[in-house]
Full PDB file with SEQRES, HELIX, SHEET, SSBOND, CRYST1, ORIGX, SCALE, CONECT and MASTER records, all heavy atoms in Angstrom:
SEQRES   1 A   39  VAL PRO ALA VAL ASP GLY VAL SER PHE GLN VAL GLY ARG          
SEQRES   2 A   39  GLY GLU THR LEU GLY ILE VAL GLY GLU SER GLY CYS GLY          
SEQRES   3 A   39  LYS SER VAL THR CYS LEU SER ILE MET ARG LEU VAL PRO          
HELIX    1 AA1 LYS A   27  ILE A   34  1                                   8    
CRYST1    1.000    1.000    1.000  90.00  90.00  90.00 P 1           1          
ORIGX1      1.000000  0.000000  0.000000        0.00000                         
ORIGX2      0.000000  1.000000  0.000000        0.00000                         
ORIGX3      0.000000  0.000000  1.000000        0.00000                         
SCALE1      1.000000  0.000000  0.000000        0.00000                         
SCALE2      0.000000  1.000000  0.000000        0.00000                         
SCALE3      0.000000  0.000000  1.000000        0.00000                         
ATOM      1  N   VAL A   1     -41.990 -14.472  15.278  1.00  0.00           N  
ATOM      2  CA  VAL A   1     -40.636 -14.144  15.724  1.00  0.00           C  
ATOM      3  C   VAL A   1     -40.367 -12.653  15.484  1.00  0.00           C  
ATOM      4  O   VAL A   1     -40.432 -12.187  14.336  1.00  0.00           O  
ATOM      5  CB  VAL A   1     -39.588 -14.989  14.972  1.00  0.00           C  
ATOM      6  CG1 VAL A   1     -38.181 -14.572  15.373  1.00  0.00           C  
ATOM      7  CG2 VAL A   1     -39.815 -16.467  15.238  1.00  0.00           C  
ATOM      8  N   PRO A   2     -40.056 -11.876  16.528  1.00  0.00           N  
ATOM      9  CA  PRO A   2     -39.751 -10.446  16.337  1.00  0.00           C  
ATOM     10  C   PRO A   2     -38.292 -10.252  15.929  1.00  0.00           C  
ATOM     11  O   PRO A   2     -37.376 -10.446  16.732  1.00  0.00           O  
ATOM     12  CB  PRO A   2     -40.021  -9.854  17.728  1.00  0.00           C  
ATOM     13  CG  PRO A   2     -39.739 -10.974  18.672  1.00  0.00           C  
ATOM     14  CD  PRO A   2     -40.072 -12.260  17.951  1.00  0.00           C  
ATOM     15  N   ALA A   3     -38.055  -9.889  14.673  1.00  0.00           N  
ATOM     16  CA  ALA A   3     -36.694  -9.618  14.207  1.00  0.00           C  
ATOM     17  C   ALA A   3     -36.238  -8.231  14.628  1.00  0.00           C  
ATOM     18  O   ALA A   3     -35.052  -8.000  14.879  1.00  0.00           O  
ATOM     19  CB  ALA A   3     -36.622  -9.759  12.691  1.00  0.00           C  
ATOM     20  N   VAL A   4     -37.167  -7.277  14.675  1.00  0.00           N  
ATOM     21  CA  VAL A   4     -36.917  -5.921  15.168  1.00  0.00           C  
ATOM     22  C   VAL A   4     -37.985  -5.650  16.215  1.00  0.00           C  
ATOM     23  O   VAL A   4     -39.177  -5.769  15.927  1.00  0.00           O  
ATOM     24  CB  VAL A   4     -36.985  -4.877  14.031  1.00  0.00           C  
ATOM     25  CG1 VAL A   4     -36.808  -3.467  14.572  1.00  0.00           C  
ATOM     26  CG2 VAL A   4     -35.935  -5.179  12.968  1.00  0.00           C  
ATOM     27  N   ASP A   5     -37.568  -5.293  17.423  1.00  0.00           N  
ATOM     28  CA  ASP A   5     -38.490  -5.301  18.563  1.00  0.00           C  
ATOM     29  C   ASP A   5     -38.479  -3.956  19.302  1.00  0.00           C  
ATOM     30  O   ASP A   5     -37.765  -3.779  20.286  1.00  0.00           O  
ATOM     31  CB  ASP A   5     -38.111  -6.439  19.515  1.00  0.00           C  
ATOM     32  CG  ASP A   5     -39.187  -6.717  20.551  1.00  0.00           C  
ATOM     33  OD1 ASP A   5     -40.242  -6.061  20.509  1.00  0.00           O  
ATOM     34  OD2 ASP A   5     -38.965  -7.594  21.401  1.00  0.00           O  
ATOM     35  N   GLY A   6     -39.242  -2.996  18.779  1.00  0.00           N  
ATOM     36  CA  GLY A   6     -39.367  -1.705  19.457  1.00  0.00           C  
ATOM     37  C   GLY A   6     -38.175  -0.784  19.255  1.00  0.00           C  
ATOM     38  O   GLY A   6     -37.735  -0.114  20.195  1.00  0.00           O  
ATOM     39  N   VAL A   7     -37.646  -0.715  18.046  1.00  0.00           N  
ATOM     40  CA  VAL A   7     -36.467   0.106  17.747  1.00  0.00           C  
ATOM     41  C   VAL A   7     -36.880   1.544  17.455  1.00  0.00           C  
ATOM     42  O   VAL A   7     -37.830   1.794  16.703  1.00  0.00           O  
ATOM     43  CB  VAL A   7     -35.691  -0.489  16.550  1.00  0.00           C  
ATOM     44  CG1 VAL A   7     -34.698   0.513  15.983  1.00  0.00           C  
ATOM     45  CG2 VAL A   7     -34.980  -1.764  16.980  1.00  0.00           C  
ATOM     46  N   SER A   8     -36.153   2.499  18.058  1.00  0.00           N  
ATOM     47  CA  SER A   8     -36.403   3.928  17.832  1.00  0.00           C  
ATOM     48  C   SER A   8     -35.068   4.642  17.639  1.00  0.00           C  
ATOM     49  O   SER A   8     -34.122   4.428  18.404  1.00  0.00           O  
ATOM     50  CB  SER A   8     -37.144   4.557  19.016  1.00  0.00           C  
ATOM     51  OG  SER A   8     -38.404   3.965  19.227  1.00  0.00           O  
ATOM     52  N   PHE A   9     -34.996   5.486  16.614  1.00  0.00           N  
ATOM     53  CA  PHE A   9     -33.818   6.338  16.404  1.00  0.00           C  
ATOM     54  C   PHE A   9     -34.182   7.436  15.411  1.00  0.00           C  
ATOM     55  O   PHE A   9     -35.256   7.406  14.795  1.00  0.00           O  
ATOM     56  CB  PHE A   9     -32.608   5.533  15.895  1.00  0.00           C  
ATOM     57  CG  PHE A   9     -32.820   4.847  14.568  1.00  0.00           C  
ATOM     58  CD1 PHE A   9     -32.623   5.515  13.374  1.00  0.00           C  
ATOM     59  CD2 PHE A   9     -33.213   3.510  14.519  1.00  0.00           C  
ATOM     60  CE1 PHE A   9     -32.823   4.879  12.150  1.00  0.00           C  
ATOM     61  CE2 PHE A   9     -33.406   2.865  13.315  1.00  0.00           C  
ATOM     62  CZ  PHE A   9     -33.204   3.555  12.132  1.00  0.00           C  
ATOM     63  N   GLN A  10     -33.292   8.419  15.277  1.00  0.00           N  
ATOM     64  CA  GLN A  10     -33.498   9.522  14.353  1.00  0.00           C  
ATOM     65  C   GLN A  10     -32.227   9.756  13.544  1.00  0.00           C  
ATOM     66  O   GLN A  10     -31.126   9.486  14.022  1.00  0.00           O  
ATOM     67  CB  GLN A  10     -33.878  10.802  15.098  1.00  0.00           C  
ATOM     68  CG  GLN A  10     -35.163  10.704  15.896  1.00  0.00           C  
ATOM     69  CD  GLN A  10     -35.543  12.011  16.558  1.00  0.00           C  
ATOM     70  OE1 GLN A  10     -34.975  13.068  16.256  1.00  0.00           O  
ATOM     71  NE2 GLN A  10     -36.505  11.966  17.465  1.00  0.00           N  
ATOM     72  N   VAL A  11     -32.408  10.276  12.329  1.00  0.00           N  
ATOM     73  CA  VAL A  11     -31.294  10.673  11.477  1.00  0.00           C  
ATOM     74  C   VAL A  11     -31.534  12.115  11.065  1.00  0.00           C  
ATOM     75  O   VAL A  11     -32.578  12.434  10.482  1.00  0.00           O  
ATOM     76  CB  VAL A  11     -31.168   9.781  10.224  1.00  0.00           C  
ATOM     77  CG1 VAL A  11     -29.956  10.203   9.396  1.00  0.00           C  
ATOM     78  CG2 VAL A  11     -31.064   8.312  10.607  1.00  0.00           C  
ATOM     79  N   GLY A  12     -30.597  12.985  11.391  1.00  0.00           N  
ATOM     80  CA  GLY A  12     -30.726  14.384  11.035  1.00  0.00           C  
ATOM     81  C   GLY A  12     -30.321  14.647   9.592  1.00  0.00           C  
ATOM     82  O   GLY A  12     -29.659  13.826   8.952  1.00  0.00           O  
ATOM     83  N   ARG A  13     -30.683  15.793   9.076  1.00  0.00           N  
ATOM     84  CA  ARG A  13     -30.306  16.172   7.706  1.00  0.00           C  
ATOM     85  C   ARG A  13     -28.789  16.298   7.608  1.00  0.00           C  
ATOM     86  O   ARG A  13     -28.158  16.981   8.401  1.00  0.00           O  
ATOM     87  CB  ARG A  13     -30.969  17.495   7.320  1.00  0.00           C  
ATOM     88  CG  ARG A  13     -32.477  17.406   7.251  1.00  0.00           C  
ATOM     89  CD  ARG A  13     -33.112  18.727   6.846  1.00  0.00           C  
ATOM     90  NE  ARG A  13     -34.559  18.635   6.889  1.00  0.00           N  
ATOM     91  CZ  ARG A  13     -35.305  18.143   5.914  1.00  0.00           C  
ATOM     92  NH1 ARG A  13     -34.729  17.739   4.791  1.00  0.00           N  
ATOM     93  NH2 ARG A  13     -36.617  18.088   6.027  1.00  0.00           N  
ATOM     94  N   GLY A  14     -28.222  15.626   6.609  1.00  0.00           N  
ATOM     95  CA  GLY A  14     -26.783  15.682   6.406  1.00  0.00           C  
ATOM     96  C   GLY A  14     -25.968  14.866   7.383  1.00  0.00           C  
ATOM     97  O   GLY A  14     -24.734  14.882   7.327  1.00  0.00           O  
ATOM     98  N   GLU A  15     -26.616  14.115   8.275  1.00  0.00           N  
ATOM     99  CA  GLU A  15     -25.907  13.361   9.307  1.00  0.00           C  
ATOM    100  C   GLU A  15     -25.629  11.933   8.844  1.00  0.00           C  
ATOM    101  O   GLU A  15     -26.337  11.392   7.982  1.00  0.00           O  
ATOM    102  CB  GLU A  15     -26.762  13.315  10.579  1.00  0.00           C  
ATOM    103  CG  GLU A  15     -26.099  12.550  11.729  1.00  0.00           C  
ATOM    104  CD  GLU A  15     -27.035  12.324  12.912  1.00  0.00           C  
ATOM    105  OE1 GLU A  15     -28.247  12.139  12.687  1.00  0.00           O  
ATOM    106  OE2 GLU A  15     -26.538  12.333  14.045  1.00  0.00           O  
ATOM    107  N   THR A  16     -24.600  11.317   9.416  1.00  0.00           N  
ATOM    108  CA  THR A  16     -24.345   9.899   9.215  1.00  0.00           C  
ATOM    109  C   THR A  16     -24.574   9.174  10.531  1.00  0.00           C  
ATOM    110  O   THR A  16     -23.889   9.448  11.524  1.00  0.00           O  
ATOM    111  CB  THR A  16     -22.906   9.644   8.739  1.00  0.00           C  
ATOM    112  OG1 THR A  16     -22.706  10.283   7.481  1.00  0.00           O  
ATOM    113  CG2 THR A  16     -22.654   8.149   8.571  1.00  0.00           C  
ATOM    114  N   LEU A  17     -25.551   8.270  10.545  1.00  0.00           N  
ATOM    115  CA  LEU A  17     -25.807   7.416  11.695  1.00  0.00           C  
ATOM    116  C   LEU A  17     -25.400   6.003  11.325  1.00  0.00           C  
ATOM    117  O   LEU A  17     -25.843   5.462  10.310  1.00  0.00           O  
ATOM    118  CB  LEU A  17     -27.284   7.441  12.079  1.00  0.00           C  
ATOM    119  CG  LEU A  17     -27.710   6.417  13.149  1.00  0.00           C  
ATOM    120  CD1 LEU A  17     -27.090   6.763  14.501  1.00  0.00           C  
ATOM    121  CD2 LEU A  17     -29.225   6.323  13.262  1.00  0.00           C  
ATOM    122  N   GLY A  18     -24.565   5.379  12.151  1.00  0.00           N  
ATOM    123  CA  GLY A  18     -24.178   3.998  11.939  1.00  0.00           C  
ATOM    124  C   GLY A  18     -24.975   3.080  12.838  1.00  0.00           C  
ATOM    125  O   GLY A  18     -25.228   3.403  14.001  1.00  0.00           O  
ATOM    126  N   ILE A  19     -25.405   1.953  12.297  1.00  0.00           N  
ATOM    127  CA  ILE A  19     -26.033   0.898  13.101  1.00  0.00           C  
ATOM    128  C   ILE A  19     -25.123  -0.313  13.025  1.00  0.00           C  
ATOM    129  O   ILE A  19     -24.809  -0.804  11.943  1.00  0.00           O  
ATOM    130  CB  ILE A  19     -27.446   0.553  12.594  1.00  0.00           C  
ATOM    131  CG1 ILE A  19     -28.362   1.789  12.679  1.00  0.00           C  
ATOM    132  CG2 ILE A  19     -28.036  -0.587  13.408  1.00  0.00           C  
ATOM    133  CD1 ILE A  19     -29.786   1.522  12.246  1.00  0.00           C  
ATOM    134  N   VAL A  20     -24.677  -0.779  14.194  1.00  0.00           N  
ATOM    135  CA  VAL A  20     -23.684  -1.845  14.245  1.00  0.00           C  
ATOM    136  C   VAL A  20     -24.196  -2.976  15.118  1.00  0.00           C  
ATOM    137  O   VAL A  20     -24.991  -2.769  16.036  1.00  0.00           O  
ATOM    138  CB  VAL A  20     -22.328  -1.298  14.770  1.00  0.00           C  
ATOM    139  CG1 VAL A  20     -22.445  -0.881  16.226  1.00  0.00           C  
ATOM    140  CG2 VAL A  20     -21.206  -2.291  14.573  1.00  0.00           C  
ATOM    141  N   GLY A  21     -23.741  -4.180  14.826  1.00  0.00           N  
ATOM    142  CA  GLY A  21     -24.129  -5.347  15.607  1.00  0.00           C  
ATOM    143  C   GLY A  21     -23.780  -6.621  14.859  1.00  0.00           C  
ATOM    144  O   GLY A  21     -23.439  -6.591  13.676  1.00  0.00           O  
ATOM    145  N   GLU A  22     -23.866  -7.749  15.560  1.00  0.00           N  
ATOM    146  CA  GLU A  22     -23.563  -9.037  14.954  1.00  0.00           C  
ATOM    147  C   GLU A  22     -24.600  -9.411  13.899  1.00  0.00           C  
ATOM    148  O   GLU A  22     -25.703  -8.862  13.866  1.00  0.00           O  
ATOM    149  CB  GLU A  22     -23.530 -10.120  16.037  1.00  0.00           C  
ATOM    150  CG  GLU A  22     -22.414  -9.974  17.051  1.00  0.00           C  
ATOM    151  CD  GLU A  22     -22.537 -10.983  18.172  1.00  0.00           C  
ATOM    152  OE1 GLU A  22     -22.079 -12.126  17.990  1.00  0.00           O  
ATOM    153  OE2 GLU A  22     -23.074 -10.633  19.229  1.00  0.00           O  
ATOM    154  N   SER A  23     -24.253 -10.378  13.064  1.00  0.00           N  
ATOM    155  CA  SER A  23     -25.203 -10.894  12.085  1.00  0.00           C  
ATOM    156  C   SER A  23     -26.435 -11.441  12.806  1.00  0.00           C  
ATOM    157  O   SER A  23     -26.316 -12.136  13.812  1.00  0.00           O  
ATOM    158  CB  SER A  23     -24.562 -12.014  11.259  1.00  0.00           C  
ATOM    159  OG  SER A  23     -23.471 -11.523  10.515  1.00  0.00           O  
ATOM    160  N   GLY A  24     -27.610 -11.103  12.279  1.00  0.00           N  
ATOM    161  CA  GLY A  24     -28.847 -11.583  12.866  1.00  0.00           C  
ATOM    162  C   GLY A  24     -29.433 -10.696  13.941  1.00  0.00           C  
ATOM    163  O   GLY A  24     -30.455 -11.044  14.533  1.00  0.00           O  
ATOM    164  N   CYS A  25     -28.820  -9.524  14.189  1.00  0.00           N  
ATOM    165  CA  CYS A  25     -29.329  -8.660  15.264  1.00  0.00           C  
ATOM    166  C   CYS A  25     -30.508  -7.795  14.821  1.00  0.00           C  
ATOM    167  O   CYS A  25     -31.150  -7.154  15.650  1.00  0.00           O  
ATOM    168  CB  CYS A  25     -28.215  -7.779  15.816  1.00  0.00           C  
ATOM    169  SG  CYS A  25     -27.683  -6.462  14.706  1.00  0.00           S  
ATOM    170  N   GLY A  26     -30.797  -7.725  13.517  1.00  0.00           N  
ATOM    171  CA  GLY A  26     -31.940  -6.957  13.038  1.00  0.00           C  
ATOM    172  C   GLY A  26     -31.584  -5.723  12.239  1.00  0.00           C  
ATOM    173  O   GLY A  26     -32.470  -4.958  11.852  1.00  0.00           O  
ATOM    174  N   LYS A  27     -30.304  -5.527  11.926  1.00  0.00           N  
ATOM    175  CA  LYS A  27     -29.876  -4.327  11.205  1.00  0.00           C  
ATOM    176  C   LYS A  27     -30.518  -4.243   9.818  1.00  0.00           C  
ATOM    177  O   LYS A  27     -31.138  -3.232   9.459  1.00  0.00           O  
ATOM    178  CB  LYS A  27     -28.350  -4.291  11.054  1.00  0.00           C  
ATOM    179  CG  LYS A  27     -27.559  -4.445  12.328  1.00  0.00           C  
ATOM    180  CD  LYS A  27     -26.076  -4.278  12.095  1.00  0.00           C  
ATOM    181  CE  LYS A  27     -25.474  -5.230  11.095  1.00  0.00           C  
ATOM    182  NZ  LYS A  27     -25.527  -6.639  11.533  1.00  0.00           N  
ATOM    183  N   SER A  28     -30.356  -5.301   9.030  1.00  0.00           N  
ATOM    184  CA  SER A  28     -30.858  -5.283   7.656  1.00  0.00           C  
ATOM    185  C   SER A  28     -32.378  -5.256   7.613  1.00  0.00           C  
ATOM    186  O   SER A  28     -32.975  -4.589   6.748  1.00  0.00           O  
ATOM    187  CB  SER A  28     -30.336  -6.497   6.885  1.00  0.00           C  
ATOM    188  OG  SER A  28     -28.937  -6.427   6.725  1.00  0.00           O  
ATOM    189  N   VAL A  29     -33.036  -5.961   8.547  1.00  0.00           N  
ATOM    190  CA  VAL A  29     -34.502  -5.946   8.580  1.00  0.00           C  
ATOM    191  C   VAL A  29     -35.015  -4.546   8.910  1.00  0.00           C  
ATOM    192  O   VAL A  29     -36.046  -4.117   8.383  1.00  0.00           O  
ATOM    193  CB  VAL A  29     -35.029  -6.979   9.595  1.00  0.00           C  
ATOM    194  CG1 VAL A  29     -36.545  -6.894   9.718  1.00  0.00           C  
ATOM    195  CG2 VAL A  29     -34.626  -8.385   9.175  1.00  0.00           C  
ATOM    196  N   THR A  30     -34.279  -3.808   9.750  1.00  0.00           N  
ATOM    197  CA  THR A  30     -34.642  -2.421  10.030  1.00  0.00           C  
ATOM    198  C   THR A  30     -34.626  -1.595   8.748  1.00  0.00           C  
ATOM    199  O   THR A  30     -35.559  -0.825   8.468  1.00  0.00           O  
ATOM    200  CB  THR A  30     -33.680  -1.813  11.068  1.00  0.00           C  
ATOM    201  OG1 THR A  30     -33.767  -2.549  12.291  1.00  0.00           O  
ATOM    202  CG2 THR A  30     -34.013  -0.357  11.337  1.00  0.00           C  
ATOM    203  N   CYS A  31     -33.579  -1.769   7.931  1.00  0.00           N  
ATOM    204  CA  CYS A  31     -33.477  -1.034   6.660  1.00  0.00           C  
ATOM    205  C   CYS A  31     -34.599  -1.419   5.706  1.00  0.00           C  
ATOM    206  O   CYS A  31     -35.222  -0.545   5.077  1.00  0.00           O  
ATOM    207  CB  CYS A  31     -32.140  -1.320   5.995  1.00  0.00           C  
ATOM    208  SG  CYS A  31     -30.738  -0.662   6.861  1.00  0.00           S  
ATOM    209  N   LEU A  32     -34.842  -2.704   5.579  1.00  0.00           N  
ATOM    210  CA  LEU A  32     -35.903  -3.162   4.679  1.00  0.00           C  
ATOM    211  C   LEU A  32     -37.268  -2.673   5.140  1.00  0.00           C  
ATOM    212  O   LEU A  32     -38.148  -2.397   4.314  1.00  0.00           O  
ATOM    213  CB  LEU A  32     -35.886  -4.691   4.589  1.00  0.00           C  
ATOM    214  CG  LEU A  32     -34.655  -5.310   3.926  1.00  0.00           C  
ATOM    215  CD1 LEU A  32     -34.689  -6.832   4.031  1.00  0.00           C  
ATOM    216  CD2 LEU A  32     -34.544  -4.884   2.462  1.00  0.00           C  
ATOM    217  N   SER A  33     -37.444  -2.540   6.453  1.00  0.00           N  
ATOM    218  CA  SER A  33     -38.702  -2.005   6.978  1.00  0.00           C  
ATOM    219  C   SER A  33     -38.877  -0.544   6.588  1.00  0.00           C  
ATOM    220  O   SER A  33     -39.978  -0.118   6.216  1.00  0.00           O  
ATOM    221  CB  SER A  33     -38.746  -2.156   8.506  1.00  0.00           C  
ATOM    222  OG  SER A  33     -38.634  -3.503   8.897  1.00  0.00           O  
ATOM    223  N   ILE A  34     -37.798   0.227   6.667  1.00  0.00           N  
ATOM    224  CA  ILE A  34     -37.860   1.637   6.271  1.00  0.00           C  
ATOM    225  C   ILE A  34     -38.242   1.752   4.798  1.00  0.00           C  
ATOM    226  O   ILE A  34     -39.053   2.605   4.410  1.00  0.00           O  
ATOM    227  CB  ILE A  34     -36.512   2.320   6.540  1.00  0.00           C  
ATOM    228  CG1 ILE A  34     -36.237   2.386   8.053  1.00  0.00           C  
ATOM    229  CG2 ILE A  34     -36.480   3.728   5.939  1.00  0.00           C  
ATOM    230  CD1 ILE A  34     -34.836   2.836   8.406  1.00  0.00           C  
ATOM    231  N   MET A  35     -37.681   0.880   3.969  1.00  0.00           N  
ATOM    232  CA  MET A  35     -37.948   0.923   2.526  1.00  0.00           C  
ATOM    233  C   MET A  35     -39.247   0.211   2.146  1.00  0.00           C  
ATOM    234  O   MET A  35     -39.631   0.196   0.990  1.00  0.00           O  
ATOM    235  CB  MET A  35     -36.779   0.269   1.776  1.00  0.00           C  
ATOM    236  CG  MET A  35     -35.452   0.958   1.963  1.00  0.00           C  
ATOM    237  SD  MET A  35     -35.397   2.606   1.233  1.00  0.00           S  
ATOM    238  CE  MET A  35     -35.244   2.212  -0.505  1.00  0.00           C  
ATOM    239  N   ARG A  36     -39.893  -0.407   3.134  1.00  0.00           N  
ATOM    240  CA  ARG A  36     -41.099  -1.219   2.908  1.00  0.00           C  
ATOM    241  C   ARG A  36     -40.824  -2.328   1.887  1.00  0.00           C  
ATOM    242  O   ARG A  36     -41.585  -2.568   0.966  1.00  0.00           O  
ATOM    243  CB  ARG A  36     -42.272  -0.343   2.472  1.00  0.00           C  
ATOM    244  CG  ARG A  36     -42.978   0.290   3.664  1.00  0.00           C  
ATOM    245  CD  ARG A  36     -44.101   1.218   3.305  1.00  0.00           C  
ATOM    246  NE  ARG A  36     -45.112   0.625   2.456  1.00  0.00           N  
ATOM    247  CZ  ARG A  36     -46.218   1.251   2.066  1.00  0.00           C  
ATOM    248  NH1 ARG A  36     -46.436   2.504   2.465  1.00  0.00           N  
ATOM    249  NH2 ARG A  36     -47.102   0.664   1.293  1.00  0.00           N  
ATOM    250  N   LEU A  37     -39.711  -3.026   2.130  1.00  0.00           N  
ATOM    251  CA  LEU A  37     -39.304  -4.128   1.271  1.00  0.00           C  
ATOM    252  C   LEU A  37     -39.249  -5.456   2.027  1.00  0.00           C  
ATOM    253  O   LEU A  37     -38.706  -6.430   1.505  1.00  0.00           O  
ATOM    254  CB  LEU A  37     -37.927  -3.837   0.652  1.00  0.00           C  
ATOM    255  CG  LEU A  37     -37.885  -2.700  -0.374  1.00  0.00           C  
ATOM    256  CD1 LEU A  37     -36.454  -2.431  -0.812  1.00  0.00           C  
ATOM    257  CD2 LEU A  37     -38.764  -2.997  -1.575  1.00  0.00           C  
ATOM    258  N   VAL A  38     -39.796  -5.484   3.235  1.00  0.00           N  
ATOM    259  CA  VAL A  38     -39.856  -6.749   3.974  1.00  0.00           C  
ATOM    260  C   VAL A  38     -40.775  -7.702   3.229  1.00  0.00           C  
ATOM    261  O   VAL A  38     -41.930  -7.364   2.926  1.00  0.00           O  
ATOM    262  CB  VAL A  38     -40.369  -6.522   5.414  1.00  0.00           C  
ATOM    263  CG1 VAL A  38     -40.567  -7.840   6.131  1.00  0.00           C  
ATOM    264  CG2 VAL A  38     -39.402  -5.646   6.188  1.00  0.00           C  
ATOM    265  N   PRO A  39     -40.298  -8.910   2.884  1.00  0.00           N  
ATOM    266  CA  PRO A  39     -41.155  -9.851   2.139  1.00  0.00           C  
ATOM    267  C   PRO A  39     -42.375 -10.258   2.950  1.00  0.00           C  
ATOM    268  O   PRO A  39     -42.258 -10.715   4.090  1.00  0.00           O  
ATOM    269  CB  PRO A  39     -40.232 -11.040   1.865  1.00  0.00           C  
ATOM    270  CG  PRO A  39     -39.147 -10.936   2.899  1.00  0.00           C  
ATOM    271  CD  PRO A  39     -38.968  -9.478   3.176  1.00  0.00           C  
TER     272      PRO A  39                                                      
MASTER        0    0    0    1    0    0    0    6  271    1    0    3          
END                                                                             
């Protein structure tokens, strides 16, 4: 099951990027992937 499916974005220095969406859309899994904390 693909929880995050081909997501691409950038965050600049000092910038605030918001990721918004309903529960289950893949927001938290994206964060855990960045931190390499996906179980």
